[in-house]
Amino acid sequence: MRVVLDTNLLISLALSPEGRVARIRKHLAAERFSTVSSPQILDEYARALRYPRVAARHKLSGEQLDELIFLFAQEVVEPDAVVPICRDAGDDKFFAAALAGRVEYIVSDDPDLHDVGTYEGIRVISSGAFLAILEQEGA
């Protein structure tokens, strides 16, 4: 299974290494799914993790941040174009990467992405729903 993970999951993992996203990370480490990203998403990951209010809470080193970003970007694709899909145009890059990477899901807890629902066969699902899928398949 191939997925695009939204930035809010990366922030959650940095801030709470014991939460739901940490459980998703364990499934990723067990190669239960793989992650797809794009240069635009990687830029957003790096920028968001270094926001002063976020960095003050996670206190991770630059090397630790790079490791998290790498984890969420196992395969980097270069989308042909970014098509306006979302209410928040900044979120369109997630669909562009998902289309280019032929993924099944965009995993996000962002309401703007959830409002799209499904686009070109790519479903937007919450981190909780994705974790349930992973745990059901692992049972």
N, C-alpha and C. Protein backbone atom coordinates (compact mmCIF):
# COMPACT_ATOMS: atom_id res chain seq x y z
N MET A 1 0.85 -1.17 0.00
CA MET A 1 0.00 0.00 0.00
C MET A 1 0.90 1.24 0.00
N ARG A 2 0.53 2.21 -0.82
CA ARG A 2 1.30 3.45 -0.95
C ARG A 2 0.42 4.61 -0.50
N VAL A 3 1.01 5.52 0.29
CA VAL A 3 0.23 6.64 0.82
C VAL A 3 1.05 7.93 0.80
N VAL A 4 0.33 9.04 0.79
CA VAL A 4 0.91 10.35 1.04
C VAL A 4 0.47 10.75 2.44
N LEU A 5 1.41 11.16 3.26
CA LEU A 5 1.10 11.58 4.63
C LEU A 5 1.17 13.10 4.73
N ASP A 6 0.11 13.68 5.24
CA ASP A 6 0.01 15.13 5.39
C ASP A 6 0.97 15.63 6.47
N THR A 7 1.33 16.87 6.36
CA THR A 7 2.26 17.51 7.28
C THR A 7 1.80 17.43 8.73
N ASN A 8 0.49 17.48 8.96
CA ASN A 8 0.02 17.47 10.35
C ASN A 8 0.38 16.17 11.04
N LEU A 9 0.54 15.08 10.30
CA LEU A 9 0.96 13.82 10.91
C LEU A 9 2.42 13.87 11.33
N LEU A 10 3.23 14.49 10.52
CA LEU A 10 4.65 14.63 10.85
C LEU A 10 4.82 15.48 12.10
N ILE A 11 4.07 16.56 12.19
CA ILE A 11 4.12 17.42 13.37
C ILE A 11 3.66 16.62 14.60
N SER A 12 2.58 15.88 14.45
CA SER A 12 2.08 15.06 15.57
C SER A 12 3.13 14.08 16.05
N LEU A 13 3.82 13.45 15.11
CA LEU A 13 4.84 12.48 15.48
C LEU A 13 6.00 13.16 16.21
N ALA A 14 6.39 14.34 15.75
CA ALA A 14 7.48 15.07 16.40
C ALA A 14 7.09 15.49 17.82
N LEU A 15 5.83 15.86 18.01
CA LEU A 15 5.39 16.36 19.31
C LEU A 15 4.95 15.26 20.28
N SER A 16 4.52 14.13 19.74
CA SER A 16 4.01 13.07 20.60
C SER A 16 4.50 11.71 20.11
N PRO A 17 5.69 11.31 20.51
CA PRO A 17 6.26 10.05 20.03
C PRO A 17 5.54 8.80 20.54
N GLU A 18 4.49 8.96 21.34
CA GLU A 18 3.75 7.81 21.87
C GLU A 18 2.31 7.76 21.36
N GLY A 19 1.90 8.66 20.50
CA GLY A 19 0.51 8.74 20.09
C GLY A 19 0.15 7.85 18.91
N ARG A 20 -1.01 8.15 18.32
CA ARG A 20 -1.55 7.39 17.19
C ARG A 20 -0.58 7.35 16.02
N VAL A 21 0.03 8.49 15.72
CA VAL A 21 0.94 8.53 14.58
C VAL A 21 2.19 7.70 14.86
N ALA A 22 2.59 7.60 16.12
CA ALA A 22 3.71 6.72 16.47
C ALA A 22 3.36 5.27 16.17
N ARG A 23 2.10 4.89 16.37
CA ARG A 23 1.67 3.53 16.03
C ARG A 23 1.70 3.32 14.52
N ILE A 24 1.32 4.36 13.77
CA ILE A 24 1.40 4.28 12.31
C ILE A 24 2.87 4.12 11.90
N ARG A 25 3.74 4.86 12.56
CA ARG A 25 5.18 4.77 12.26
C ARG A 25 5.70 3.34 12.44
N LYS A 26 5.22 2.64 13.46
CA LYS A 26 5.65 1.25 13.67
C LYS A 26 5.24 0.36 12.51
N HIS A 27 4.06 0.60 11.95
CA HIS A 27 3.63 -0.15 10.77
C HIS A 27 4.49 0.19 9.56
N LEU A 28 4.90 1.44 9.47
CA LEU A 28 5.79 1.86 8.39
C LEU A 28 7.14 1.18 8.53
N ALA A 29 7.67 1.14 9.74
CA ALA A 29 8.95 0.48 9.99
C ALA A 29 8.87 -1.02 9.67
N ALA A 30 7.69 -1.59 9.84
CA ALA A 30 7.48 -3.01 9.52
C ALA A 30 7.16 -3.22 8.04
N GLU A 31 7.26 -2.14 7.26
CA GLU A 31 7.05 -2.17 5.81
C GLU A 31 5.65 -2.63 5.43
N ARG A 32 4.66 -2.22 6.23
CA ARG A 32 3.26 -2.52 5.94
C ARG A 32 2.70 -1.58 4.88
N PHE A 33 3.36 -0.46 4.66
CA PHE A 33 3.00 0.49 3.62
C PHE A 33 4.23 1.32 3.30
N SER A 34 4.16 2.08 2.23
CA SER A 34 5.28 2.97 1.89
C SER A 34 4.74 4.38 1.66
N THR A 35 5.63 5.35 1.82
CA THR A 35 5.25 6.76 1.71
C THR A 35 5.76 7.37 0.41
N VAL A 36 4.95 8.27 -0.11
CA VAL A 36 5.28 9.00 -1.34
C VAL A 36 5.18 10.48 -1.01
N SER A 37 6.11 11.25 -1.54
CA SER A 37 6.13 12.69 -1.32
C SER A 37 6.57 13.39 -2.60
N SER A 38 6.70 14.69 -2.51
CA SER A 38 7.17 15.51 -3.64
C SER A 38 8.10 16.58 -3.08
N PRO A 39 8.87 17.24 -3.92
CA PRO A 39 9.73 18.32 -3.42
C PRO A 39 8.93 19.41 -2.68
N GLN A 40 7.73 19.71 -3.17
CA GLN A 40 6.90 20.74 -2.52
C GLN A 40 6.48 20.30 -1.11
N ILE A 41 6.14 19.03 -0.97
CA ILE A 41 5.75 18.52 0.34
C ILE A 41 6.96 18.48 1.27
N LEU A 42 8.09 18.06 0.75
CA LEU A 42 9.31 18.03 1.58
C LEU A 42 9.65 19.42 2.11
N ASP A 43 9.49 20.44 1.26
CA ASP A 43 9.72 21.81 1.70
C ASP A 43 8.78 22.19 2.84
N GLU A 44 7.50 21.80 2.70
CA GLU A 44 6.54 22.12 3.75
C GLU A 44 6.86 21.36 5.03
N TYR A 45 7.23 20.09 4.93
CA TYR A 45 7.62 19.32 6.11
C TYR A 45 8.74 20.04 6.87
N ALA A 46 9.79 20.40 6.15
CA ALA A 46 10.96 21.03 6.79
C ALA A 46 10.59 22.37 7.41
N ARG A 47 9.81 23.15 6.70
CA ARG A 47 9.41 24.47 7.19
C ARG A 47 8.53 24.34 8.45
N ALA A 48 7.55 23.43 8.40
CA ALA A 48 6.61 23.29 9.52
C ALA A 48 7.30 22.78 10.78
N LEU A 49 8.23 21.86 10.63
CA LEU A 49 8.93 21.33 11.80
C LEU A 49 9.84 22.37 12.45
N ARG A 50 10.19 23.40 11.70
CA ARG A 50 11.08 24.42 12.22
C ARG A 50 10.36 25.70 12.63
N TYR A 51 9.02 25.73 12.55
CA TYR A 51 8.29 26.88 13.07
C TYR A 51 8.69 27.05 14.53
N PRO A 52 8.96 28.27 14.98
CA PRO A 52 9.42 28.47 16.35
C PRO A 52 8.53 27.82 17.42
N ARG A 53 7.21 27.94 17.27
CA ARG A 53 6.32 27.38 18.30
C ARG A 53 6.34 25.86 18.29
N VAL A 54 6.59 25.25 17.13
CA VAL A 54 6.67 23.79 17.03
C VAL A 54 8.04 23.32 17.53
N ALA A 55 9.09 23.97 17.08
CA ALA A 55 10.45 23.58 17.48
C ALA A 55 10.64 23.70 18.99
N ALA A 56 9.99 24.69 19.59
CA ALA A 56 10.12 24.86 21.05
C ALA A 56 9.50 23.69 21.80
N ARG A 57 8.53 23.04 21.19
CA ARG A 57 7.87 21.90 21.86
C ARG A 57 8.56 20.57 21.59
N HIS A 58 9.07 20.37 20.37
CA HIS A 58 9.65 19.04 20.09
C HIS A 58 11.12 18.93 20.47
N LYS A 59 11.85 20.01 20.43
CA LYS A 59 13.25 20.04 20.85
C LYS A 59 14.12 18.97 20.17
N LEU A 60 13.80 18.63 18.93
CA LEU A 60 14.58 17.65 18.18
C LEU A 60 15.73 18.34 17.46
N SER A 61 16.81 17.61 17.28
CA SER A 61 17.96 18.16 16.56
C SER A 61 17.65 18.19 15.06
N GLY A 62 18.48 18.89 14.33
CA GLY A 62 18.34 18.93 12.88
C GLY A 62 18.43 17.55 12.27
N GLU A 63 19.32 16.73 12.80
CA GLU A 63 19.47 15.36 12.30
C GLU A 63 18.21 14.54 12.58
N GLN A 64 17.63 14.68 13.75
CA GLN A 64 16.39 13.96 14.08
C GLN A 64 15.23 14.42 13.20
N LEU A 65 15.17 15.71 12.90
CA LEU A 65 14.13 16.22 12.01
C LEU A 65 14.30 15.65 10.60
N ASP A 66 15.54 15.61 10.13
CA ASP A 66 15.80 15.04 8.80
C ASP A 66 15.38 13.57 8.75
N GLU A 67 15.60 12.83 9.84
CA GLU A 67 15.20 11.42 9.89
C GLU A 67 13.68 11.28 9.79
N LEU A 68 12.94 12.15 10.47
CA LEU A 68 11.48 12.12 10.39
C LEU A 68 11.01 12.42 8.98
N ILE A 69 11.58 13.45 8.38
CA ILE A 69 11.19 13.82 7.02
C ILE A 69 11.49 12.68 6.06
N PHE A 70 12.64 12.06 6.18
CA PHE A 70 13.00 10.94 5.31
C PHE A 70 12.01 9.79 5.46
N LEU A 71 11.58 9.54 6.68
CA LEU A 71 10.63 8.48 6.94
C LEU A 71 9.32 8.71 6.18
N PHE A 72 8.90 9.95 6.10
CA PHE A 72 7.65 10.29 5.42
C PHE A 72 7.83 10.45 3.92
N ALA A 73 9.05 10.32 3.42
CA ALA A 73 9.33 10.56 2.00
C ALA A 73 10.19 9.45 1.43
N GLN A 74 9.73 8.22 1.55
CA GLN A 74 10.51 7.10 1.05
C GLN A 74 10.69 7.18 -0.46
N GLU A 75 9.65 7.61 -1.15
CA GLU A 75 9.73 7.81 -2.59
C GLU A 75 9.32 9.25 -2.89
N VAL A 76 10.13 9.95 -3.64
CA VAL A 76 9.83 11.33 -4.00
C VAL A 76 9.49 11.36 -5.49
N VAL A 77 8.31 11.88 -5.80
CA VAL A 77 7.86 11.99 -7.19
C VAL A 77 7.83 13.45 -7.60
N GLU A 78 7.88 13.67 -8.88
CA GLU A 78 7.80 15.02 -9.42
C GLU A 78 6.48 15.13 -10.19
N PRO A 79 5.45 15.72 -9.57
CA PRO A 79 4.16 15.82 -10.25
C PRO A 79 4.25 16.65 -11.52
N ASP A 80 3.42 16.27 -12.51
CA ASP A 80 3.37 17.02 -13.77
C ASP A 80 2.81 18.42 -13.55
N ALA A 81 1.74 18.49 -12.76
CA ALA A 81 1.11 19.78 -12.50
C ALA A 81 0.32 19.68 -11.21
N VAL A 82 0.07 20.84 -10.62
CA VAL A 82 -0.78 20.92 -9.44
C VAL A 82 -2.13 21.47 -9.91
N VAL A 83 -3.17 20.66 -9.75
CA VAL A 83 -4.51 21.03 -10.19
C VAL A 83 -5.27 21.58 -9.00
N PRO A 84 -6.01 22.67 -9.19
CA PRO A 84 -6.79 23.20 -8.06
C PRO A 84 -7.93 22.24 -7.69
N ILE A 85 -7.81 21.66 -6.50
CA ILE A 85 -8.78 20.68 -6.03
C ILE A 85 -9.36 21.11 -4.68
N CYS A 86 -8.49 21.57 -3.79
CA CYS A 86 -8.88 21.86 -2.40
C CYS A 86 -9.32 23.30 -2.22
N ARG A 87 -10.09 23.49 -1.18
CA ARG A 87 -10.48 24.85 -0.76
C ARG A 87 -9.23 25.64 -0.40
N ASP A 88 -8.27 24.99 0.26
CA ASP A 88 -6.99 25.60 0.59
C ASP A 88 -6.00 25.19 -0.51
N ALA A 89 -5.66 26.11 -1.38
CA ALA A 89 -4.79 25.80 -2.52
C ALA A 89 -3.45 25.23 -2.08
N GLY A 90 -3.01 25.52 -0.88
CA GLY A 90 -1.76 24.98 -0.37
C GLY A 90 -1.79 23.48 -0.18
N ASP A 91 -2.99 22.90 -0.13
CA ASP A 91 -3.12 21.46 0.04
C ASP A 91 -3.14 20.69 -1.28
N ASP A 92 -3.24 21.39 -2.39
CA ASP A 92 -3.30 20.73 -3.69
C ASP A 92 -2.05 19.89 -3.98
N LYS A 93 -0.93 20.27 -3.39
CA LYS A 93 0.31 19.53 -3.63
C LYS A 93 0.21 18.08 -3.15
N PHE A 94 -0.63 17.82 -2.16
CA PHE A 94 -0.79 16.45 -1.67
C PHE A 94 -1.50 15.59 -2.71
N PHE A 95 -2.49 16.15 -3.39
CA PHE A 95 -3.15 15.42 -4.46
C PHE A 95 -2.25 15.25 -5.66
N ALA A 96 -1.45 16.28 -5.96
CA ALA A 96 -0.52 16.18 -7.09
C ALA A 96 0.47 15.05 -6.88
N ALA A 97 1.02 14.95 -5.67
CA ALA A 97 1.96 13.87 -5.35
C ALA A 97 1.25 12.53 -5.37
N ALA A 98 0.03 12.47 -4.84
CA ALA A 98 -0.73 11.22 -4.80
C ALA A 98 -1.02 10.72 -6.21
N LEU A 99 -1.37 11.62 -7.11
CA LEU A 99 -1.63 11.23 -8.50
C LEU A 99 -0.35 10.74 -9.17
N ALA A 100 0.72 11.49 -9.00
CA ALA A 100 2.00 11.11 -9.64
C ALA A 100 2.54 9.81 -9.06
N GLY A 101 2.31 9.58 -7.78
CA GLY A 101 2.83 8.39 -7.12
C GLY A 101 1.88 7.20 -7.12
N ARG A 102 0.70 7.41 -7.70
CA ARG A 102 -0.31 6.34 -7.78
C ARG A 102 -0.58 5.70 -6.42
N VAL A 103 -0.93 6.54 -5.47
CA VAL A 103 -1.18 6.05 -4.12
C VAL A 103 -2.67 5.74 -3.92
N GLU A 104 -2.95 5.01 -2.87
CA GLU A 104 -4.34 4.68 -2.53
C GLU A 104 -4.97 5.72 -1.63
N TYR A 105 -4.14 6.26 -0.70
CA TYR A 105 -4.68 7.16 0.32
C TYR A 105 -3.80 8.38 0.52
N ILE A 106 -4.47 9.47 0.88
CA ILE A 106 -3.81 10.61 1.51
C ILE A 106 -4.28 10.54 2.96
N VAL A 107 -3.34 10.42 3.88
CA VAL A 107 -3.68 10.32 5.29
C VAL A 107 -3.50 11.70 5.90
N SER A 108 -4.60 12.22 6.44
CA SER A 108 -4.57 13.59 6.96
C SER A 108 -5.67 13.77 7.99
N ASP A 109 -5.44 14.68 8.90
CA ASP A 109 -6.47 15.09 9.84
C ASP A 109 -6.90 16.54 9.57
N ASP A 110 -6.64 17.00 8.36
CA ASP A 110 -6.97 18.36 7.92
C ASP A 110 -8.37 18.38 7.29
N PRO A 111 -9.29 19.16 7.86
CA PRO A 111 -10.66 19.20 7.31
C PRO A 111 -10.71 19.64 5.85
N ASP A 112 -9.81 20.51 5.42
CA ASP A 112 -9.82 20.96 4.02
C ASP A 112 -9.57 19.78 3.07
N LEU A 113 -8.68 18.89 3.43
CA LEU A 113 -8.43 17.72 2.59
C LEU A 113 -9.61 16.75 2.68
N HIS A 114 -10.17 16.59 3.86
CA HIS A 114 -11.31 15.67 4.03
C HIS A 114 -12.53 16.13 3.26
N ASP A 115 -12.67 17.43 3.06
CA ASP A 115 -13.81 17.93 2.28
C ASP A 115 -13.78 17.42 0.85
N VAL A 116 -12.60 17.13 0.32
CA VAL A 116 -12.50 16.59 -1.04
C VAL A 116 -12.98 15.15 -1.05
N GLY A 117 -12.67 14.40 -0.02
CA GLY A 117 -13.13 13.01 0.07
C GLY A 117 -12.31 12.08 -0.80
N THR A 118 -12.75 11.88 -2.03
CA THR A 118 -12.07 11.02 -3.00
C THR A 118 -11.87 11.80 -4.28
N TYR A 119 -10.70 11.67 -4.86
CA TYR A 119 -10.40 12.33 -6.13
C TYR A 119 -9.59 11.37 -6.98
N GLU A 120 -10.08 11.08 -8.18
CA GLU A 120 -9.38 10.18 -9.11
C GLU A 120 -9.00 8.86 -8.43
N GLY A 121 -9.89 8.37 -7.58
CA GLY A 121 -9.66 7.09 -6.92
C GLY A 121 -8.78 7.15 -5.67
N ILE A 122 -8.31 8.33 -5.33
CA ILE A 122 -7.46 8.50 -4.13
C ILE A 122 -8.36 8.98 -3.00
N ARG A 123 -8.39 8.21 -1.92
CA ARG A 123 -9.24 8.54 -0.78
C ARG A 123 -8.44 9.31 0.27
N VAL A 124 -9.08 10.33 0.83
CA VAL A 124 -8.51 11.04 1.97
C VAL A 124 -9.10 10.40 3.22
N ILE A 125 -8.22 9.90 4.09
CA ILE A 125 -8.70 9.27 5.32
C ILE A 125 -7.93 9.84 6.52
N SER A 126 -8.56 9.76 7.67
CA SER A 126 -7.94 10.27 8.89
C SER A 126 -6.85 9.32 9.36
N SER A 127 -6.01 9.82 10.26
CA SER A 127 -4.96 8.97 10.82
C SER A 127 -5.59 7.81 11.59
N GLY A 128 -6.71 8.04 12.26
CA GLY A 128 -7.38 6.98 13.00
C GLY A 128 -7.92 5.90 12.08
N ALA A 129 -8.52 6.31 10.96
CA ALA A 129 -9.05 5.34 10.00
C ALA A 129 -7.91 4.55 9.35
N PHE A 130 -6.82 5.23 9.06
CA PHE A 130 -5.67 4.54 8.47
C PHE A 130 -5.07 3.53 9.44
N LEU A 131 -4.96 3.92 10.69
CA LEU A 131 -4.44 3.00 11.70
C LEU A 131 -5.35 1.78 11.83
N ALA A 132 -6.65 1.99 11.78
CA ALA A 132 -7.60 0.87 11.85
C ALA A 132 -7.40 -0.09 10.68
N ILE A 133 -7.16 0.45 9.47
CA ILE A 133 -6.90 -0.39 8.31
C ILE A 133 -5.64 -1.20 8.52
N LEU A 134 -4.59 -0.55 8.98
CA LEU A 134 -3.32 -1.24 9.22
C LEU A 134 -3.45 -2.33 10.27
N GLU A 135 -4.17 -2.03 11.33
CA GLU A 135 -4.30 -3.00 12.41
C GLU A 135 -5.24 -4.14 12.03
N GLN A 136 -6.23 -3.85 11.21
CA GLN A 136 -7.14 -4.91 10.75
C GLN A 136 -6.40 -5.87 9.81
N GLU A 137 -5.59 -5.30 8.91
CA GLU A 137 -4.83 -6.14 7.98
C GLU A 137 -3.77 -6.95 8.69
N GLY A 138 -3.28 -6.43 9.81
CA GLY A 138 -2.23 -7.14 10.56
C GLY A 138 -2.78 -8.21 11.49
N ALA A 139 -4.10 -8.23 11.66
CA ALA A 139 -4.70 -9.19 12.59
C ALA A 139 -4.74 -10.60 12.02
